[in-house]
């Protein structure tokens, strides 16, 4: 839930900026779907696999969406 909430905050923060967006809406789809899949798998009792999927989601967010990039938004 925390990763998904952070993804939402990142999207809202970037969509409210006055500058031209650096990313596109479709780039938020893979991590959102990854969070949903990790949630489902975790609910099935496969916590280790859910954790690995979440690590992949976090990696995608850091590499593709670059939340800590200091470029003006």
PDB file of N, CA and C in Angstrom:
ATOM      1  N   UNK A   1       0.817  -1.182   0.000  1.00  0.00           N
ATOM      2  CA  UNK A   1       0.000   0.000   0.000  1.00  0.00           C
ATOM      3  C   UNK A   1       0.869   1.258   0.000  1.00  0.00           C
ATOM      4  N   UNK A   2       1.967   1.204   0.729  1.00  0.00           N
ATOM      5  CA  UNK A   2       2.835   2.372   0.808  1.00  0.00           C
ATOM      6  C   UNK A   2       3.470   2.722  -0.533  1.00  0.00           C
ATOM      7  N   UNK A   3       3.901   1.710  -1.265  1.00  0.00           N
ATOM      8  CA  UNK A   3       4.519   1.954  -2.575  1.00  0.00           C
ATOM      9  C   UNK A   3       3.480   2.542  -3.533  1.00  0.00           C
ATOM     10  N   UNK A   4       2.276   2.002  -3.515  1.00  0.00           N
ATOM     11  CA  UNK A   4       1.228   2.501  -4.392  1.00  0.00           C
ATOM     12  C   UNK A   4       0.845   3.934  -4.010  1.00  0.00           C
ATOM     13  N   UNK A   5       0.765   4.211  -2.716  1.00  0.00           N
ATOM     14  CA  UNK A   5       0.445   5.573  -2.269  1.00  0.00           C
ATOM     15  C   UNK A   5       1.539   6.553  -2.705  1.00  0.00           C
ATOM     16  N   UNK A   6       2.797   6.137  -2.611  1.00  0.00           N
ATOM     17  CA  UNK A   6       3.893   6.984  -3.071  1.00  0.00           C
ATOM     18  C   UNK A   6       3.830   7.236  -4.569  1.00  0.00           C
ATOM     19  N   UNK A   7       3.439   6.221  -5.309  1.00  0.00           N
ATOM     20  CA  UNK A   7       3.279   6.363  -6.766  1.00  0.00           C
ATOM     21  C   UNK A   7       2.193   7.378  -7.093  1.00  0.00           C
ATOM     22  N   UNK A   8       1.104   7.329  -6.356  1.00  0.00           N
ATOM     23  CA  UNK A   8       0.012   8.283  -6.564  1.00  0.00           C
ATOM     24  C   UNK A   8       0.470   9.708  -6.253  1.00  0.00           C
ATOM     25  N   UNK A   9       1.185   9.867  -5.140  1.00  0.00           N
ATOM     26  CA  UNK A   9       1.673  11.196  -4.761  1.00  0.00           C
ATOM     27  C   UNK A   9       2.632  11.731  -5.819  1.00  0.00           C
ATOM     28  N   UNK A  10       3.523  10.880  -6.321  1.00  0.00           N
ATOM     29  CA  UNK A  10       4.456  11.300  -7.372  1.00  0.00           C
ATOM     30  C   UNK A  10       3.704  11.751  -8.615  1.00  0.00           C
ATOM     31  N   UNK A  11       2.700  10.981  -9.024  1.00  0.00           N
ATOM     32  CA  UNK A  11       1.913  11.347 -10.200  1.00  0.00           C
ATOM     33  C   UNK A  11       1.194  12.680  -9.991  1.00  0.00           C
ATOM     34  N   UNK A  12       0.556  12.835  -8.852  1.00  0.00           N
ATOM     35  CA  UNK A  12      -0.178  14.080  -8.594  1.00  0.00           C
ATOM     36  C   UNK A  12       0.759  15.274  -8.513  1.00  0.00           C
ATOM     37  N   UNK A  13       1.905  15.095  -7.892  1.00  0.00           N
ATOM     38  CA  UNK A  13       2.873  16.187  -7.788  1.00  0.00           C
ATOM     39  C   UNK A  13       3.355  16.631  -9.172  1.00  0.00           C
ATOM     40  N   UNK A  14       3.653  15.670 -10.006  1.00  0.00           N
ATOM     41  CA  UNK A  14       4.159  16.010 -11.338  1.00  0.00           C
ATOM     42  C   UNK A  14       3.067  16.537 -12.259  1.00  0.00           C
ATOM     43  N   UNK A  15       1.841  16.100 -12.072  1.00  0.00           N
ATOM     44  CA  UNK A  15       0.774  16.566 -12.953  1.00  0.00           C
ATOM     45  C   UNK A  15       0.305  17.972 -12.584  1.00  0.00           C
ATOM     46  N   UNK A  16       0.611  18.431 -11.387  1.00  0.00           N
ATOM     47  CA  UNK A  16       0.201  19.766 -10.953  1.00  0.00           C
ATOM     48  C   UNK A  16       1.246  20.833 -11.284  1.00  0.00           C
ATOM     49  N   UNK A  17       2.425  20.443 -11.710  1.00  0.00           N
ATOM     50  CA  UNK A  17       3.489  21.394 -12.017  1.00  0.00           C
ATOM     51  C   UNK A  17       3.160  22.271 -13.208  1.00  0.00           C
ATOM     52  N   UNK A  18       3.836  23.405 -13.284  1.00  0.00           N
ATOM     53  CA  UNK A  18       3.599  24.327 -14.394  1.00  0.00           C
ATOM     54  C   UNK A  18       4.460  23.999 -15.611  1.00  0.00           C
ATOM     55  N   UNK A  19       5.540  23.279 -15.416  1.00  0.00           N
ATOM     56  CA  UNK A  19       6.437  22.940 -16.525  1.00  0.00           C
ATOM     57  C   UNK A  19       5.867  21.779 -17.340  1.00  0.00           C
ATOM     58  N   UNK A  20       6.427  21.569 -18.496  1.00  0.00           N
ATOM     59  CA  UNK A  20       6.043  20.448 -19.357  1.00  0.00           C
ATOM     60  C   UNK A  20       6.357  19.134 -18.625  1.00  0.00           C
ATOM     61  N   UNK A  21       5.410  18.199 -18.579  1.00  0.00           N
ATOM     62  CA  UNK A  21       5.656  16.929 -17.877  1.00  0.00           C
ATOM     63  C   UNK A  21       6.831  16.166 -18.484  1.00  0.00           C
ATOM     64  N   UNK A  22       7.641  15.561 -17.612  1.00  0.00           N
ATOM     65  CA  UNK A  22       8.787  14.770 -18.063  1.00  0.00           C
ATOM     66  C   UNK A  22       8.396  13.339 -18.371  1.00  0.00           C
ATOM     67  N   UNK A  23       7.262  12.911 -17.882  1.00  0.00           N
ATOM     68  CA  UNK A  23       6.835  11.532 -18.081  1.00  0.00           C
ATOM     69  C   UNK A  23       5.402  11.501 -18.594  1.00  0.00           C
ATOM     70  N   UNK A  24       4.991  10.317 -19.004  1.00  0.00           N
ATOM     71  CA  UNK A  24       3.667  10.143 -19.588  1.00  0.00           C
ATOM     72  C   UNK A  24       2.817   9.271 -18.661  1.00  0.00           C
ATOM     73  N   UNK A  25       1.527   9.366 -18.832  1.00  0.00           N
ATOM     74  CA  UNK A  25       0.599   8.620 -17.991  1.00  0.00           C
ATOM     75  C   UNK A  25       0.840   7.121 -18.087  1.00  0.00           C
ATOM     76  N   UNK A  26       1.128   6.611 -19.272  1.00  0.00           N
ATOM     77  CA  UNK A  26       1.309   5.168 -19.451  1.00  0.00           C
ATOM     78  C   UNK A  26       2.499   4.638 -18.665  1.00  0.00           C
ATOM     79  N   UNK A  27       3.465   5.497 -18.314  1.00  0.00           N
ATOM     80  CA  UNK A  27       4.635   5.039 -17.560  1.00  0.00           C
ATOM     81  C   UNK A  27       4.280   4.679 -16.121  1.00  0.00           C
ATOM     82  N   UNK A  28       3.137   5.106 -15.650  1.00  0.00           N
ATOM     83  CA  UNK A  28       2.702   4.768 -14.295  1.00  0.00           C
ATOM     84  C   UNK A  28       1.923   3.456 -14.267  1.00  0.00           C
ATOM     85  N   UNK A  29       1.531   2.937 -15.413  1.00  0.00           N
ATOM     86  CA  UNK A  29       0.754   1.701 -15.470  1.00  0.00           C
ATOM     87  C   UNK A  29       1.538   0.467 -14.999  1.00  0.00           C
ATOM     88  N   UNK A  30       2.771   0.225 -15.476  1.00  0.00           N
ATOM     89  CA  UNK A  30       3.477  -0.984 -15.024  1.00  0.00           C
ATOM     90  C   UNK A  30       3.666  -1.065 -13.504  1.00  0.00           C
ATOM     91  N   UNK A  31       4.087   0.026 -12.826  1.00  0.00           N
ATOM     92  CA  UNK A  31       4.217  -0.134 -11.376  1.00  0.00           C
ATOM     93  C   UNK A  31       2.874  -0.290 -10.664  1.00  0.00           C
ATOM     94  N   UNK A  32       1.823   0.334 -11.186  1.00  0.00           N
ATOM     95  CA  UNK A  32       0.501   0.174 -10.575  1.00  0.00           C
ATOM     96  C   UNK A  32       0.022  -1.269 -10.709  1.00  0.00           C
ATOM     97  N   UNK A  33       0.195  -1.842 -11.885  1.00  0.00           N
ATOM     98  CA  UNK A  33      -0.181  -3.246 -12.096  1.00  0.00           C
ATOM     99  C   UNK A  33       0.705  -4.156 -11.255  1.00  0.00           C
ATOM    100  N   UNK A  34       1.983  -3.828 -11.152  1.00  0.00           N
ATOM    101  CA  UNK A  34       2.897  -4.611 -10.312  1.00  0.00           C
ATOM    102  C   UNK A  34       2.463  -4.608  -8.853  1.00  0.00           C
ATOM    103  N   UNK A  35       2.009  -3.463  -8.355  1.00  0.00           N
ATOM    104  CA  UNK A  35       1.503  -3.390  -6.980  1.00  0.00           C
ATOM    105  C   UNK A  35       0.268  -4.270  -6.814  1.00  0.00           C
ATOM    106  N   UNK A  36      -0.616  -4.260  -7.794  1.00  0.00           N
ATOM    107  CA  UNK A  36      -1.825  -5.088  -7.718  1.00  0.00           C
ATOM    108  C   UNK A  36      -1.473  -6.573  -7.733  1.00  0.00           C
ATOM    109  N   UNK A  37      -0.528  -6.952  -8.582  1.00  0.00           N
ATOM    110  CA  UNK A  37      -0.116  -8.356  -8.656  1.00  0.00           C
ATOM    111  C   UNK A  37       0.560  -8.783  -7.358  1.00  0.00           C
ATOM    112  N   UNK A  38       1.432  -7.925  -6.819  1.00  0.00           N
ATOM    113  CA  UNK A  38       2.103  -8.239  -5.561  1.00  0.00           C
ATOM    114  C   UNK A  38       1.083  -8.386  -4.432  1.00  0.00           C
ATOM    115  N   UNK A  39       0.074  -7.551  -4.424  1.00  0.00           N
ATOM    116  CA  UNK A  39      -0.974  -7.652  -3.413  1.00  0.00           C
ATOM    117  C   UNK A  39      -1.715  -8.977  -3.535  1.00  0.00           C
ATOM    118  N   UNK A  40      -2.071  -9.341  -4.746  1.00  0.00           N
ATOM    119  CA  UNK A  40      -2.792 -10.597  -4.964  1.00  0.00           C
ATOM    120  C   UNK A  40      -1.939 -11.800  -4.535  1.00  0.00           C
ATOM    121  N   UNK A  41      -0.693 -11.798  -4.959  1.00  0.00           N
ATOM    122  CA  UNK A  41       0.194 -12.916  -4.622  1.00  0.00           C
ATOM    123  C   UNK A  41       0.441 -12.978  -3.121  1.00  0.00           C
ATOM    124  N   UNK A  42       0.585 -11.813  -2.483  1.00  0.00           N
ATOM    125  CA  UNK A  42       0.749 -11.789  -1.037  1.00  0.00           C
ATOM    126  C   UNK A  42      -0.475 -12.327  -0.320  1.00  0.00           C
ATOM    127  N   UNK A  43      -1.654 -12.035  -0.843  1.00  0.00           N
ATOM    128  CA  UNK A  43      -2.888 -12.551  -0.243  1.00  0.00           C
ATOM    129  C   UNK A  43      -3.018 -14.060  -0.405  1.00  0.00           C
ATOM    130  N   UNK A  44      -2.313 -14.628  -1.375  1.00  0.00           N
ATOM    131  CA  UNK A  44      -2.340 -16.077  -1.579  1.00  0.00           C
ATOM    132  C   UNK A  44      -1.335 -16.797  -0.685  1.00  0.00           C
ATOM    133  N   UNK A  45      -0.610 -16.038   0.143  1.00  0.00           N
ATOM    134  CA  UNK A  45       0.340 -16.649   1.061  1.00  0.00           C
ATOM    135  C   UNK A  45       1.749 -16.782   0.520  1.00  0.00           C
ATOM    136  N   UNK A  46       2.035 -16.131  -0.570  1.00  0.00           N
ATOM    137  CA  UNK A  46       3.359 -16.204  -1.187  1.00  0.00           C
ATOM    138  C   UNK A  46       4.102 -14.884  -0.962  1.00  0.00           C
ATOM    139  N   UNK A  47       4.355 -14.578   0.298  1.00  0.00           N
ATOM    140  CA  UNK A  47       4.932 -13.299   0.672  1.00  0.00           C
ATOM    141  C   UNK A  47       6.297 -13.018   0.072  1.00  0.00           C
ATOM    142  N   UNK A  48       7.114 -14.049  -0.056  1.00  0.00           N
ATOM    143  CA  UNK A  48       8.459 -13.843  -0.622  1.00  0.00           C
ATOM    144  C   UNK A  48       8.358 -13.381  -2.074  1.00  0.00           C
ATOM    145  N   UNK A  49       7.488 -14.019  -2.833  1.00  0.00           N
ATOM    146  CA  UNK A  49       7.316 -13.629  -4.240  1.00  0.00           C
ATOM    147  C   UNK A  49       6.721 -12.237  -4.350  1.00  0.00           C
ATOM    148  N   UNK A  50       5.790 -11.928  -3.469  1.00  0.00           N
ATOM    149  CA  UNK A  50       5.197 -10.588  -3.468  1.00  0.00           C
ATOM    150  C   UNK A  50       6.265  -9.542  -3.158  1.00  0.00           C
ATOM    151  N   UNK A  51       7.141  -9.854  -2.219  1.00  0.00           N
ATOM    152  CA  UNK A  51       8.242  -8.937  -1.887  1.00  0.00           C
ATOM    153  C   UNK A  51       9.188  -8.732  -3.056  1.00  0.00           C
ATOM    154  N   UNK A  52       9.477  -9.794  -3.777  1.00  0.00           N
ATOM    155  CA  UNK A  52      10.355  -9.673  -4.950  1.00  0.00           C
ATOM    156  C   UNK A  52       9.708  -8.828  -6.040  1.00  0.00           C
ATOM    157  N   UNK A  53       8.412  -9.000  -6.231  1.00  0.00           N
ATOM    158  CA  UNK A  53       7.706  -8.178  -7.223  1.00  0.00           C
ATOM    159  C   UNK A  53       7.746  -6.717  -6.790  1.00  0.00           C
ATOM    160  N   UNK A  54       7.540  -6.461  -5.490  1.00  0.00           N
ATOM    161  CA  UNK A  54       7.592  -5.080  -5.002  1.00  0.00           C
ATOM    162  C   UNK A  54       8.974  -4.473  -5.184  1.00  0.00           C
ATOM    163  N   UNK A  55      10.023  -5.268  -5.000  1.00  0.00           N
ATOM    164  CA  UNK A  55      11.374  -4.763  -5.265  1.00  0.00           C
ATOM    165  C   UNK A  55      11.529  -4.378  -6.732  1.00  0.00           C
ATOM    166  N   UNK A  56      10.951  -5.175  -7.630  1.00  0.00           N
ATOM    167  CA  UNK A  56      10.971  -4.838  -9.049  1.00  0.00           C
ATOM    168  C   UNK A  56      10.208  -3.564  -9.342  1.00  0.00           C
ATOM    169  N   UNK A  57       9.070  -3.392  -8.684  1.00  0.00           N
ATOM    170  CA  UNK A  57       8.271  -2.179  -8.858  1.00  0.00           C
ATOM    171  C   UNK A  57       9.051  -0.961  -8.386  1.00  0.00           C
ATOM    172  N   UNK A  58       9.677  -1.076  -7.232  1.00  0.00           N
ATOM    173  CA  UNK A  58      10.478   0.041  -6.701  1.00  0.00           C
ATOM    174  C   UNK A  58      11.637   0.351  -7.633  1.00  0.00           C
ATOM    175  N   UNK A  59      12.279  -0.681  -8.168  1.00  0.00           N
ATOM    176  CA  UNK A  59      13.356  -0.472  -9.126  1.00  0.00           C
ATOM    177  C   UNK A  59      12.878   0.259 -10.370  1.00  0.00           C
ATOM    178  N   UNK A  60      11.727  -0.131 -10.882  1.00  0.00           N
ATOM    179  CA  UNK A  60      11.149   0.537 -12.057  1.00  0.00           C
ATOM    180  C   UNK A  60      10.899   2.009 -11.749  1.00  0.00           C
ATOM    181  N   UNK A  61      10.309   2.275 -10.588  1.00  0.00           N
ATOM    182  CA  UNK A  61      10.010   3.653 -10.212  1.00  0.00           C
ATOM    183  C   UNK A  61      11.290   4.477 -10.136  1.00  0.00           C
ATOM    184  N   UNK A  62      12.326   3.920  -9.527  1.00  0.00           N
ATOM    185  CA  UNK A  62      13.587   4.662  -9.380  1.00  0.00           C
ATOM    186  C   UNK A  62      14.286   4.899 -10.713  1.00  0.00           C
ATOM    187  N   UNK A  63      14.252   3.909 -11.608  1.00  0.00           N
ATOM    188  CA  UNK A  63      14.970   4.012 -12.877  1.00  0.00           C
ATOM    189  C   UNK A  63      14.185   4.797 -13.928  1.00  0.00           C
ATOM    190  N   UNK A  64      12.899   4.512 -14.062  1.00  0.00           N
ATOM    191  CA  UNK A  64      12.114   5.106 -15.150  1.00  0.00           C
ATOM    192  C   UNK A  64      11.502   6.442 -14.741  1.00  0.00           C
ATOM    193  N   UNK A  65      10.868   6.491 -13.595  1.00  0.00           N
ATOM    194  CA  UNK A  65      10.162   7.708 -13.191  1.00  0.00           C
ATOM    195  C   UNK A  65      11.057   8.712 -12.457  1.00  0.00           C
ATOM    196  N   UNK A  66      12.179   8.255 -11.920  1.00  0.00           N
ATOM    197  CA  UNK A  66      13.180   9.118 -11.272  1.00  0.00           C
ATOM    198  C   UNK A  66      12.542  10.093 -10.270  1.00  0.00           C
ATOM    199  N   UNK A  67      12.022   9.594  -9.152  1.00  0.00           N
ATOM    200  CA  UNK A  67      11.338  10.486  -8.210  1.00  0.00           C
ATOM    201  C   UNK A  67      12.272  11.454  -7.493  1.00  0.00           C
ATOM    202  N   UNK A  68      13.557  11.155  -7.424  1.00  0.00           N
ATOM    203  CA  UNK A  68      14.485  12.028  -6.701  1.00  0.00           C
ATOM    204  C   UNK A  68      15.293  12.916  -7.627  1.00  0.00           C
ATOM    205  N   UNK A  69      14.915  12.963  -8.899  1.00  0.00           N
ATOM    206  CA  UNK A  69      15.597  13.826  -9.868  1.00  0.00           C
ATOM    207  C   UNK A  69      15.341  15.279  -9.506  1.00  0.00           C
ATOM    208  N   UNK A  70      16.365  16.100  -9.549  1.00  0.00           N
ATOM    209  CA  UNK A  70      16.259  17.496  -9.121  1.00  0.00           C
ATOM    210  C   UNK A  70      15.890  18.439 -10.240  1.00  0.00           C
ATOM    211  N   UNK A  71      15.483  17.929 -11.388  1.00  0.00           N
ATOM    212  CA  UNK A  71      15.086  18.814 -12.488  1.00  0.00           C
ATOM    213  C   UNK A  71      13.812  19.559 -12.104  1.00  0.00           C
ATOM    214  N   UNK A  72      13.653  20.778 -12.547  1.00  0.00           N
ATOM    215  CA  UNK A  72      12.443  21.534 -12.186  1.00  0.00           C
ATOM    216  C   UNK A  72      11.199  20.894 -12.758  1.00  0.00           C
ATOM    217  N   UNK A  73      10.123  20.926 -11.964  1.00  0.00           N
ATOM    218  CA  UNK A  73       8.862  20.339 -12.441  1.00  0.00           C
ATOM    219  C   UNK A  73       7.786  21.376 -12.567  1.00  0.00           C
TER     220      UNK A  73
END
